C-alpha atoms as a PDB file:
ATOM      1  CA  MET A   1       0.015  -0.004  -0.052  1.00  0.00           C
ATOM      2  CA  LEU A   2       1.382   3.414  -0.945  1.00  0.00           C
ATOM      3  CA  LYS A   3       0.223   6.446   0.899  1.00  0.00           C
ATOM      4  CA  ILE A   4       1.187   9.950   0.167  1.00  0.00           C
ATOM      5  CA  TYR A   5       0.939  12.578   2.866  1.00  0.00           C
ATOM      6  CA  THR A   6       1.204  16.224   2.006  1.00  0.00           C
ATOM      7  CA  ASN A   7       2.148  18.975   4.370  1.00  0.00           C
ATOM      8  CA  TYR A   8       2.485  22.688   3.819  1.00  0.00           C
ATOM      9  CA  LEU A   9       6.241  22.553   3.590  1.00  0.00           C
ATOM     10  CA  VAL A  10       7.250  18.931   3.192  1.00  0.00           C
ATOM     11  CA  VAL A  11       5.877  16.099   1.087  1.00  0.00           C
ATOM     12  CA  ASN A  12       6.703  12.590   2.344  1.00  0.00           C
ATOM     13  CA  VAL A  13       6.050   9.355   0.553  1.00  0.00           C
ATOM     14  CA  ILE A  14       5.483   6.581   2.963  1.00  0.00           C
ATOM     15  CA  VAL A  15       5.456   2.910   1.965  1.00  0.00           C
ATOM     16  CA  ASN A  16       3.673   0.595   4.373  1.00  0.00           C
ATOM     17  CA  PHE A  17       4.413  -3.091   4.235  1.00  0.00           C
ATOM     18  CA  LYS A  18       1.588  -5.378   5.465  1.00  0.00           C
ATOM     19  CA  GLU A  19       3.832  -8.241   6.575  1.00  0.00           C
ATOM     20  CA  THR A  20       6.157  -6.281   8.877  1.00  0.00           C
ATOM     21  CA  ASN A  21       3.849  -3.272   9.478  1.00  0.00           C
ATOM     22  CA  THR A  22       6.919  -0.929   9.158  1.00  0.00           C
ATOM     23  CA  LYS A  23       6.914   2.457   7.391  1.00  0.00           C
ATOM     24  CA  PHE A  24       9.815   3.816   5.336  1.00  0.00           C
ATOM     25  CA  ILE A  25      10.149   7.438   4.202  1.00  0.00           C
ATOM     26  CA  VAL A  26      11.121   7.100   0.585  1.00  0.00           C
ATOM     27  CA  GLY A  27      11.908  10.759  -0.223  1.00  0.00           C
ATOM     28  CA  LYS A  28      11.447  14.363   0.847  1.00  0.00           C
ATOM     29  CA  MET A  29      10.922  17.452  -1.229  1.00  0.00           C
ATOM     30  CA  PRO A  30      12.598  20.748  -0.451  1.00  0.00           C
ATOM     31  CA  LYS A  31      10.808  22.899   2.144  1.00  0.00           C
ATOM     32  CA  VAL A  32       9.737  25.756  -0.157  1.00  0.00           C
ATOM     33  CA  LYS A  33       9.927  25.916  -3.966  1.00  0.00           C
ATOM     34  CA  ARG A  34      11.249  29.266  -5.058  1.00  0.00           C
ATOM     35  CA  SER A  35      11.387  30.595  -8.540  1.00  0.00           C
ATOM     36  CA  ARG A  36      14.360  29.703 -10.691  1.00  0.00           C
ATOM     37  CA  LYS A  37      15.393  33.369 -10.789  1.00  0.00           C
ATOM     38  CA  PRO A  38      18.146  34.068  -8.258  1.00  0.00           C
ATOM     39  CA  PRO A  39      17.273  36.479  -5.518  1.00  0.00           C
ATOM     40  CA  PRO A  40      18.275  40.181  -6.027  1.00  0.00           C
ATOM     41  CA  ASP A  41      21.166  41.969  -4.295  1.00  0.00           C
ATOM     42  CA  GLY A  42      20.624  42.501  -0.627  1.00  0.00           C
ATOM     43  CA  TRP A  43      18.965  39.132  -0.032  1.00  0.00           C
ATOM     44  CA  GLU A  44      21.968  37.917   1.959  1.00  0.00           C
ATOM     45  CA  LEU A  45      21.271  40.703   4.523  1.00  0.00           C
ATOM     46  CA  ILE A  46      17.690  39.621   5.212  1.00  0.00           C
ATOM     47  CA  GLU A  47      18.069  35.875   4.638  1.00  0.00           C
ATOM     48  CA  PRO A  48      19.103  34.930   8.241  1.00  0.00           C
ATOM     49  CA  THR A  49      16.183  36.680   9.704  1.00  0.00           C
ATOM     50  CA  ILE A  50      13.715  35.071   7.160  1.00  0.00           C
ATOM     51  CA  ASP A  51      15.223  31.621   7.829  1.00  0.00           C
ATOM     52  CA  GLU A  52      14.838  32.182  11.603  1.00  0.00           C
ATOM     53  CA  LEU A  53      11.177  33.159  11.196  1.00  0.00           C
ATOM     54  CA  ASP A  54      10.643  30.182   8.845  1.00  0.00           C
ATOM     55  CA  GLY A  55      12.054  27.961  11.542  1.00  0.00           C
ATOM     56  CA  LYS A  56       9.722  29.461  14.120  1.00  0.00           C
ATOM     57  CA  MET A  57       6.784  28.921  11.691  1.00  0.00           C
ATOM     58  CA  LYS A  58       7.674  25.298  11.272  1.00  0.00           C
ATOM     59  CA  GLU A  59       7.837  24.862  15.088  1.00  0.00           C
ATOM     60  CA  ALA A  60       4.520  26.562  15.457  1.00  0.00           C
ATOM     61  CA  GLU A  61       2.939  24.351  12.800  1.00  0.00           C
ATOM     62  CA  THR A  62       4.120  21.149  14.524  1.00  0.00           C
ATOM     63  CA  ASP A  63       3.464  22.368  18.083  1.00  0.00           C
ATOM     64  CA  PRO A  64       0.995  20.174  19.929  1.00  0.00           C
ATOM     65  CA  HIS A  65      -2.379  21.721  20.430  1.00  0.00           C
ATOM     66  CA  GLU A  66      -3.660  19.624  23.312  1.00  0.00           C
ATOM     67  CA  GLY A  67      -5.172  21.703  26.060  1.00  0.00           C
ATOM     68  CA  LYS A  68      -5.737  24.660  23.768  1.00  0.00           C
ATOM     69  CA  ARG A  69      -9.076  25.907  22.367  1.00  0.00           C
ATOM     70  CA  LYS A  70      -9.719  25.277  18.709  1.00  0.00           C
ATOM     71  CA  VAL A  71      -9.034  28.889  17.689  1.00  0.00           C
ATOM     72  CA  GLU A  72      -5.887  29.178  19.941  1.00  0.00           C
ATOM     73  CA  ALA A  73      -3.937  26.647  17.838  1.00  0.00           C
ATOM     74  CA  LEU A  74      -3.478  29.022  14.965  1.00  0.00           C
ATOM     75  CA  TRP A  75      -2.541  32.108  16.970  1.00  0.00           C
ATOM     76  CA  PRO A  76       1.285  31.579  16.944  1.00  0.00           C
ATOM     77  CA  ILE A  77       1.132  31.079  13.150  1.00  0.00           C
ATOM     78  CA  PHE A  78      -0.715  34.355  12.632  1.00  0.00           C
ATOM     79  CA  ARG A  79       1.836  36.092  14.955  1.00  0.00           C
ATOM     80  CA  ILE A  80       4.855  34.864  13.019  1.00  0.00           C
ATOM     81  CA  HIS A  81       3.184  35.688   9.712  1.00  0.00           C
ATOM     82  CA  HIS A  82       2.557  39.223  10.917  1.00  0.00           C
ATOM     83  CA  GLN A  83       6.111  39.494  12.191  1.00  0.00           C
ATOM     84  CA  LYS A  84       7.639  38.428   8.874  1.00  0.00           C
ATOM     85  CA  SER A  85       5.563  40.802   6.924  1.00  0.00           C
ATOM     86  CA  ARG A  86       6.196  43.637   9.333  1.00  0.00           C
ATOM     87  CA  TYR A  87       9.917  43.006   9.049  1.00  0.00           C
ATOM     88  CA  ILE A  88       9.851  43.399   5.233  1.00  0.00           C
ATOM     89  CA  PHE A  89       7.511  46.445   5.533  1.00  0.00           C
ATOM     90  CA  ASP A  90       9.821  48.233   7.977  1.00  0.00           C
ATOM     91  CA  LEU A  91      12.971  47.511   5.964  1.00  0.00           C
ATOM     92  CA  PHE A  92      11.393  48.975   2.792  1.00  0.00           C
ATOM     93  CA  TYR A  93       9.121  51.807   3.934  1.00  0.00           C
ATOM     94  CA  ARG A  94      10.600  52.978   7.253  1.00  0.00           C
ATOM     95  CA  ARG A  95      14.354  52.298   7.194  1.00  0.00           C
ATOM     96  CA  LYS A  96      14.751  52.260   3.407  1.00  0.00           C
ATOM     97  CA  ALA A  97      17.295  49.427   3.821  1.00  0.00           C
ATOM     98  CA  ILE A  98      16.275  47.195   0.922  1.00  0.00           C
ATOM     99  CA  SER A  99      15.757  47.922  -2.768  1.00  0.00           C
ATOM    100  CA  ARG A 100      12.400  47.936  -4.592  1.00  0.00           C
ATOM    101  CA  GLU A 101      13.576  44.886  -6.533  1.00  0.00           C
ATOM    102  CA  LEU A 102      14.175  42.864  -3.360  1.00  0.00           C
ATOM    103  CA  TYR A 103      10.793  44.064  -1.886  1.00  0.00           C
ATOM    104  CA  ASP A 104       8.985  42.979  -5.004  1.00  0.00           C
ATOM    105  CA  TYR A 105      10.808  39.650  -4.895  1.00  0.00           C
ATOM    106  CA  CYS A 106       9.701  39.055  -1.309  1.00  0.00           C
ATOM    107  CA  LEU A 107       6.035  39.839  -2.275  1.00  0.00           C
ATOM    108  CA  LYS A 108       6.199  37.625  -5.433  1.00  0.00           C
ATOM    109  CA  GLU A 109       7.694  34.692  -3.499  1.00  0.00           C
ATOM    110  CA  LYS A 110       5.085  35.073  -0.778  1.00  0.00           C
ATOM    111  CA  ILE A 111       7.637  35.810   1.902  1.00  0.00           C
ATOM    112  CA  ALA A 112       5.625  38.794   3.025  1.00  0.00           C
ATOM    113  CA  ASP A 113       1.872  39.329   2.689  1.00  0.00           C
ATOM    114  CA  GLY A 114       1.243  42.041   0.107  1.00  0.00           C
ATOM    115  CA  ASN A 115      -2.436  42.546   1.040  1.00  0.00           C
ATOM    116  CA  LEU A 116      -1.602  43.144   4.702  1.00  0.00           C
ATOM    117  CA  ILE A 117       1.198  45.557   3.794  1.00  0.00           C
ATOM    118  CA  ALA A 118      -1.242  47.459   1.542  1.00  0.00           C
ATOM    119  CA  LYS A 119      -3.539  47.889   4.521  1.00  0.00           C
ATOM    120  CA  TRP A 120      -0.632  49.102   6.718  1.00  0.00           C
ATOM    121  CA  LYS A 121      -0.084  51.949   4.264  1.00  0.00           C
ATOM    122  CA  LYS A 122      -3.613  53.267   4.798  1.00  0.00           C
ATOM    123  CA  GLN A 123      -4.543  55.552   7.608  1.00  0.00           C
ATOM    124  CA  GLY A 124      -6.187  53.801  10.539  1.00  0.00           C
ATOM    125  CA  TYR A 125      -4.791  50.417   9.680  1.00  0.00           C
ATOM    126  CA  GLU A 126      -1.086  51.113  10.577  1.00  0.00           C
ATOM    127  CA  ASN A 127      -1.135  48.444  13.343  1.00  0.00           C
ATOM    128  CA  LEU A 128      -3.459  45.860  11.862  1.00  0.00           C
ATOM    129  CA  CYS A 129      -2.724  42.413  13.134  1.00  0.00           C
ATOM    130  CA  CYS A 130      -4.347  40.293  10.335  1.00  0.00           C
ATOM    131  CA  LEU A 131      -6.824  40.657   7.481  1.00  0.00           C
ATOM    132  CA  ARG A 132      -9.455  38.459   9.172  1.00  0.00           C
ATOM    133  CA  CYS A 133     -10.024  41.130  11.799  1.00  0.00           C
ATOM    134  CA  ILE A 134     -11.395  43.617   9.249  1.00  0.00           C
ATOM    135  CA  GLN A 135     -13.520  41.117   7.347  1.00  0.00           C
ATOM    136  CA  THR A 136     -17.141  41.723   8.289  1.00  0.00           C
ATOM    137  CA  ARG A 137     -18.421  38.377   7.116  1.00  0.00           C
ATOM    138  CA  ASP A 138     -16.617  36.592   9.968  1.00  0.00           C
ATOM    139  CA  THR A 139     -18.689  38.261  12.696  1.00  0.00           C
ATOM    140  CA  ASN A 140     -22.271  37.782  13.765  1.00  0.00           C
ATOM    141  CA  PHE A 141     -23.371  41.371  13.326  1.00  0.00           C
ATOM    142  CA  GLY A 142     -21.373  42.389  10.225  1.00  0.00           C
ATOM    143  CA  THR A 143     -18.816  44.420  12.162  1.00  0.00           C
ATOM    144  CA  ASN A 144     -15.064  44.394  12.670  1.00  0.00           C
ATOM    145  CA  CYS A 145     -13.320  42.256  15.298  1.00  0.00           C
ATOM    146  CA  ILE A 146     -13.155  43.381  18.955  1.00  0.00           C
ATOM    147  CA  CYS A 147      -9.406  44.062  18.717  1.00  0.00           C
ATOM    148  CA  ARG A 148     -10.144  46.938  16.249  1.00  0.00           C
ATOM    149  CA  VAL A 149     -12.070  48.902  18.943  1.00  0.00           C
ATOM    150  CA  PRO A 150      -9.913  51.647  20.525  1.00  0.00           C
ATOM    151  CA  LYS A 151      -8.993  50.926  24.154  1.00  0.00           C
ATOM    152  CA  GLY A 152     -10.577  54.212  25.243  1.00  0.00           C
ATOM    153  CA  LYS A 153     -13.962  53.058  24.158  1.00  0.00           C
ATOM    154  CA  LEU A 154     -13.767  49.690  26.007  1.00  0.00           C
ATOM    155  CA  GLU A 155     -14.730  49.059  29.640  1.00  0.00           C
ATOM    156  CA  GLU A 156     -11.980  49.985  32.140  1.00  0.00           C
ATOM    157  CA  GLY A 157      -9.865  46.949  33.048  1.00  0.00           C
ATOM    158  CA  LYS A 158     -11.415  44.662  30.437  1.00  0.00           C
ATOM    159  CA  ILE A 159      -8.903  42.417  28.709  1.00  0.00           C
ATOM    160  CA  VAL A 160      -9.857  41.819  25.033  1.00  0.00           C
ATOM    161  CA  GLU A 161      -8.451  38.970  22.888  1.00  0.00           C
ATOM    162  CA  CYS A 162      -9.371  38.525  19.309  1.00  0.00           C
ATOM    163  CA  ILE A 163     -10.635  35.029  18.493  1.00  0.00           C
ATOM    164  CA  HIS A 164      -9.037  34.999  15.048  1.00  0.00           C
ATOM    165  CA  CYS A 165      -5.442  35.672  15.887  1.00  0.00           C
ATOM    166  CA  GLY A 166      -5.088  36.359  19.607  1.00  0.00           C
ATOM    167  CA  CYS A 167      -4.505  40.140  19.176  1.00  0.00           C
ATOM    168  CA  ARG A 168      -5.086  42.308  22.246  1.00  0.00           C
ATOM    169  CA  GLY A 169      -5.778  45.484  20.363  1.00  0.00           C
ATOM    170  CA  CYS A 170      -4.531  46.781  17.022  1.00  0.00           C
ATOM    171  CA  SER A 171      -6.758  49.805  16.491  1.00  0.00           C
ATOM    172  CA  GLY A 172      -3.896  52.352  16.806  1.00  0.00           C
END
């Protein structure tokens, strides 16, 4: 019997022998398929940080979720995704440390989230945690997430946590 299991980053082919009931991993594919075009100049400056965040993402994906609520299992993944996109955004727009070519390469290769970065450039969305928090179809009353409400308009001492990504307030 031949079973093929697919994962977000790794594809394993497992052969299961009925007589011995042992499994062998036949082959692994590379973790992320990039375009054949080599990365532009300046990539070597951001590569260690991107690799570190990719490692954290892999840990978060394989982290056990026993004892957590169903929605809490994805919170670390959303945080790391936000951190990686914010890193690229800050390098390009705030510190002007990377070129336009490298920025476009990061967006094209899905290293950073282009839609989230586009929202960060708009007034009122500078601290947005994720795109799910502004989608009105995910709430019962067709409104934004609770983390988008300014802290001044909430009850005093009330701790708010977004159910989508675990954010505690990104209204700015």
